[in-house]
Amino acid sequence: MHFHLIISGHVQGVGFRYSAQQKANEYNLYGWVMNLEDGTVEMEVEGPENQVNQYVTEIKNGFHRFIRVDDINIEKTEGEKGYKQFTIK
């Protein structure tokens, strides 16, 4: 399952991308995460749907106290792009 996410809130300058990468590695998920100029974070994540859903729940909780997630726009697709790791762009 492939998920494309746009995360808004206090998500830049607080270690969000590093935390997202670490947590993705814990769940054995693949893809990438990057900051956007408008202050949001864009992410693509691939893996079993139940694991990605658990990961998204972790994102909603903000990983740690300095991160605040206000909204997540999620698009799901059945196919995968075949990422081999989770990277920070």
N, C-alpha and C. Protein backbone atom coordinates (compact mmCIF):
# COMPACT_ATOMS: atom_id res chain seq x y z
N MET A 1 0.84 -1.17 0.00
CA MET A 1 0.00 0.00 0.00
C MET A 1 0.89 1.24 0.00
N HIS A 2 0.53 2.25 -0.77
CA HIS A 2 1.29 3.48 -0.89
C HIS A 2 0.46 4.63 -0.34
N PHE A 3 1.06 5.42 0.55
CA PHE A 3 0.39 6.58 1.14
C PHE A 3 1.19 7.83 0.79
N HIS A 4 0.49 8.89 0.41
CA HIS A 4 1.09 10.20 0.21
C HIS A 4 0.46 11.11 1.26
N LEU A 5 1.29 11.79 2.07
CA LEU A 5 0.79 12.61 3.16
C LEU A 5 1.34 14.03 3.09
N ILE A 6 0.51 14.98 3.46
CA ILE A 6 0.93 16.35 3.71
C ILE A 6 0.55 16.64 5.16
N ILE A 7 1.55 16.95 5.98
CA ILE A 7 1.34 17.15 7.41
C ILE A 7 1.53 18.62 7.72
N SER A 8 0.55 19.21 8.44
CA SER A 8 0.66 20.62 8.83
C SER A 8 0.62 20.73 10.35
N GLY A 9 1.13 21.84 10.83
CA GLY A 9 1.22 22.10 12.26
C GLY A 9 2.62 22.65 12.57
N HIS A 10 3.11 22.39 13.76
CA HIS A 10 4.48 22.79 14.12
C HIS A 10 5.37 21.59 13.83
N VAL A 11 5.76 21.46 12.55
CA VAL A 11 6.44 20.26 12.07
C VAL A 11 7.79 20.53 11.40
N GLN A 12 8.21 21.79 11.40
CA GLN A 12 9.54 22.11 10.85
C GLN A 12 10.40 22.71 11.95
N GLY A 13 11.68 22.33 11.96
CA GLY A 13 12.61 22.85 12.94
C GLY A 13 12.49 22.20 14.31
N VAL A 14 11.80 21.06 14.37
CA VAL A 14 11.56 20.38 15.65
C VAL A 14 11.94 18.90 15.60
N GLY A 15 12.67 18.50 14.57
CA GLY A 15 13.10 17.10 14.45
C GLY A 15 12.05 16.16 13.90
N PHE A 16 11.04 16.71 13.23
CA PHE A 16 9.96 15.87 12.71
C PHE A 16 10.48 14.86 11.69
N ARG A 17 11.27 15.31 10.72
CA ARG A 17 11.73 14.41 9.66
C ARG A 17 12.59 13.27 10.21
N TYR A 18 13.49 13.60 11.12
CA TYR A 18 14.33 12.56 11.73
C TYR A 18 13.47 11.57 12.51
N SER A 19 12.53 12.11 13.29
CA SER A 19 11.63 11.23 14.07
C SER A 19 10.79 10.36 13.15
N ALA A 20 10.32 10.94 12.04
CA ALA A 20 9.52 10.18 11.08
C ALA A 20 10.35 9.05 10.48
N GLN A 21 11.61 9.32 10.18
CA GLN A 21 12.49 8.30 9.62
C GLN A 21 12.73 7.18 10.63
N GLN A 22 13.03 7.55 11.86
CA GLN A 22 13.30 6.54 12.89
C GLN A 22 12.09 5.64 13.12
N LYS A 23 10.90 6.26 13.20
CA LYS A 23 9.68 5.48 13.44
C LYS A 23 9.35 4.61 12.23
N ALA A 24 9.57 5.12 11.02
CA ALA A 24 9.34 4.31 9.81
C ALA A 24 10.24 3.08 9.83
N ASN A 25 11.48 3.26 10.25
CA ASN A 25 12.41 2.12 10.33
C ASN A 25 11.91 1.10 11.35
N GLU A 26 11.34 1.55 12.47
CA GLU A 26 10.79 0.63 13.47
C GLU A 26 9.65 -0.21 12.89
N TYR A 27 8.85 0.40 12.03
CA TYR A 27 7.71 -0.28 11.42
C TYR A 27 8.08 -1.00 10.12
N ASN A 28 9.35 -0.94 9.71
CA ASN A 28 9.80 -1.52 8.44
C ASN A 28 9.04 -0.95 7.24
N LEU A 29 8.90 0.37 7.24
CA LEU A 29 8.23 1.07 6.15
C LEU A 29 9.27 1.80 5.32
N TYR A 30 8.93 2.06 4.06
CA TYR A 30 9.85 2.69 3.13
C TYR A 30 9.22 3.92 2.50
N GLY A 31 10.06 4.84 2.04
CA GLY A 31 9.58 6.05 1.38
C GLY A 31 10.51 7.21 1.66
N TRP A 32 9.94 8.41 1.83
CA TRP A 32 10.73 9.61 2.07
C TRP A 32 9.89 10.66 2.78
N VAL A 33 10.59 11.67 3.33
CA VAL A 33 9.95 12.80 3.99
C VAL A 33 10.76 14.05 3.66
N MET A 34 10.06 15.19 3.45
CA MET A 34 10.77 16.44 3.17
C MET A 34 9.94 17.64 3.59
N ASN A 35 10.63 18.73 3.95
CA ASN A 35 9.97 19.98 4.28
C ASN A 35 9.53 20.67 3.00
N LEU A 36 8.38 21.34 3.06
CA LEU A 36 7.91 22.17 1.96
C LEU A 36 8.03 23.64 2.35
N GLU A 37 8.10 24.51 1.35
CA GLU A 37 8.30 25.94 1.60
C GLU A 37 7.17 26.59 2.39
N ASP A 38 5.97 26.00 2.35
CA ASP A 38 4.83 26.60 3.05
C ASP A 38 4.76 26.21 4.53
N GLY A 39 5.78 25.49 5.04
CA GLY A 39 5.81 25.11 6.44
C GLY A 39 5.23 23.74 6.74
N THR A 40 4.72 23.07 5.71
CA THR A 40 4.20 21.72 5.88
C THR A 40 5.30 20.71 5.57
N VAL A 41 5.00 19.44 5.82
CA VAL A 41 5.92 18.36 5.50
C VAL A 41 5.21 17.40 4.57
N GLU A 42 5.91 16.98 3.51
CA GLU A 42 5.38 16.01 2.56
C GLU A 42 6.06 14.67 2.79
N MET A 43 5.30 13.60 2.63
CA MET A 43 5.84 12.27 2.89
C MET A 43 5.18 11.25 1.98
N GLU A 44 5.96 10.27 1.56
CA GLU A 44 5.42 9.08 0.90
C GLU A 44 5.88 7.89 1.73
N VAL A 45 4.94 6.99 2.01
CA VAL A 45 5.22 5.82 2.85
C VAL A 45 4.62 4.60 2.19
N GLU A 46 5.38 3.49 2.18
CA GLU A 46 4.89 2.23 1.62
C GLU A 46 5.10 1.10 2.61
N GLY A 47 4.15 0.17 2.57
CA GLY A 47 4.22 -1.02 3.41
C GLY A 47 2.84 -1.60 3.60
N PRO A 48 2.73 -2.62 4.45
CA PRO A 48 1.41 -3.21 4.73
C PRO A 48 0.47 -2.16 5.33
N GLU A 49 -0.77 -2.16 4.88
CA GLU A 49 -1.72 -1.10 5.27
C GLU A 49 -1.86 -0.98 6.78
N ASN A 50 -1.93 -2.10 7.51
CA ASN A 50 -2.10 -2.01 8.96
C ASN A 50 -0.89 -1.34 9.62
N GLN A 51 0.31 -1.61 9.12
CA GLN A 51 1.51 -0.99 9.67
C GLN A 51 1.56 0.51 9.34
N VAL A 52 1.17 0.86 8.12
CA VAL A 52 1.16 2.28 7.76
C VAL A 52 0.11 3.01 8.58
N ASN A 53 -1.04 2.40 8.81
CA ASN A 53 -2.07 3.04 9.64
C ASN A 53 -1.57 3.27 11.07
N GLN A 54 -0.85 2.31 11.63
CA GLN A 54 -0.27 2.48 12.97
C GLN A 54 0.76 3.61 12.96
N TYR A 55 1.54 3.68 11.89
CA TYR A 55 2.54 4.73 11.74
C TYR A 55 1.87 6.10 11.66
N VAL A 56 0.78 6.21 10.90
CA VAL A 56 0.06 7.48 10.79
C VAL A 56 -0.49 7.89 12.15
N THR A 57 -0.93 6.94 12.96
CA THR A 57 -1.38 7.26 14.31
C THR A 57 -0.24 7.86 15.12
N GLU A 58 0.96 7.29 14.97
CA GLU A 58 2.14 7.84 15.65
C GLU A 58 2.40 9.28 15.18
N ILE A 59 2.26 9.53 13.88
CA ILE A 59 2.45 10.88 13.35
C ILE A 59 1.46 11.84 13.99
N LYS A 60 0.19 11.44 14.05
CA LYS A 60 -0.85 12.29 14.63
C LYS A 60 -0.52 12.67 16.07
N ASN A 61 0.12 11.76 16.80
CA ASN A 61 0.50 12.03 18.19
C ASN A 61 1.73 12.94 18.29
N GLY A 62 2.40 13.19 17.18
CA GLY A 62 3.49 14.16 17.14
C GLY A 62 4.87 13.65 17.52
N PHE A 63 5.06 12.37 17.74
CA PHE A 63 6.36 11.77 18.08
C PHE A 63 6.92 12.24 19.43
N HIS A 64 6.98 13.56 19.67
CA HIS A 64 7.45 14.08 20.97
C HIS A 64 6.82 15.44 21.22
N ARG A 65 7.07 16.01 22.38
CA ARG A 65 6.33 17.19 22.84
C ARG A 65 6.57 18.46 22.06
N PHE A 66 7.66 18.54 21.29
CA PHE A 66 7.94 19.74 20.52
C PHE A 66 7.21 19.77 19.18
N ILE A 67 6.69 18.64 18.78
CA ILE A 67 5.98 18.53 17.51
C ILE A 67 4.48 18.61 17.76
N ARG A 68 3.79 19.44 16.94
CA ARG A 68 2.33 19.52 17.02
C ARG A 68 1.78 19.32 15.61
N VAL A 69 1.01 18.26 15.44
CA VAL A 69 0.38 17.97 14.15
C VAL A 69 -1.07 18.46 14.21
N ASP A 70 -1.40 19.40 13.32
CA ASP A 70 -2.75 19.94 13.26
C ASP A 70 -3.63 19.20 12.26
N ASP A 71 -3.03 18.79 11.14
CA ASP A 71 -3.83 18.15 10.09
C ASP A 71 -2.92 17.26 9.23
N ILE A 72 -3.51 16.17 8.73
CA ILE A 72 -2.82 15.29 7.79
C ILE A 72 -3.74 15.02 6.62
N ASN A 73 -3.28 15.36 5.42
CA ASN A 73 -4.01 15.05 4.20
C ASN A 73 -3.40 13.75 3.67
N ILE A 74 -4.22 12.70 3.56
CA ILE A 74 -3.73 11.38 3.18
C ILE A 74 -4.38 10.92 1.88
N GLU A 75 -3.55 10.48 0.94
CA GLU A 75 -4.03 9.83 -0.29
C GLU A 75 -3.44 8.43 -0.31
N LYS A 76 -4.31 7.42 -0.44
CA LYS A 76 -3.88 6.02 -0.48
C LYS A 76 -4.03 5.48 -1.89
N THR A 77 -3.05 4.66 -2.30
CA THR A 77 -3.17 3.93 -3.55
C THR A 77 -2.69 2.50 -3.32
N GLU A 78 -3.22 1.60 -4.12
CA GLU A 78 -2.89 0.17 -3.96
C GLU A 78 -1.47 -0.16 -4.38
N GLY A 79 -1.00 0.42 -5.46
CA GLY A 79 0.33 0.10 -5.96
C GLY A 79 1.43 0.71 -5.12
N GLU A 80 2.64 0.19 -5.26
CA GLU A 80 3.79 0.74 -4.57
C GLU A 80 4.84 1.17 -5.58
N LYS A 81 5.67 2.13 -5.19
CA LYS A 81 6.73 2.61 -6.07
C LYS A 81 8.02 1.82 -5.90
N GLY A 82 8.08 0.99 -4.88
CA GLY A 82 9.23 0.11 -4.69
C GLY A 82 10.41 0.73 -3.96
N TYR A 83 10.15 1.66 -3.05
CA TYR A 83 11.24 2.23 -2.25
C TYR A 83 11.93 1.12 -1.46
N LYS A 84 13.23 1.27 -1.26
CA LYS A 84 14.03 0.26 -0.54
C LYS A 84 14.43 0.69 0.86
N GLN A 85 14.20 1.97 1.17
CA GLN A 85 14.53 2.53 2.49
C GLN A 85 13.67 3.75 2.72
N PHE A 86 13.79 4.36 3.90
CA PHE A 86 13.07 5.59 4.21
C PHE A 86 14.11 6.69 4.35
N THR A 87 14.00 7.71 3.49
CA THR A 87 15.02 8.75 3.45
C THR A 87 14.45 10.13 3.78
N ILE A 88 15.35 11.01 4.19
CA ILE A 88 15.02 12.42 4.41
C ILE A 88 15.52 13.19 3.20
N LYS A 89 14.63 13.95 2.60
CA LYS A 89 15.03 14.77 1.43
C LYS A 89 15.28 16.20 1.87
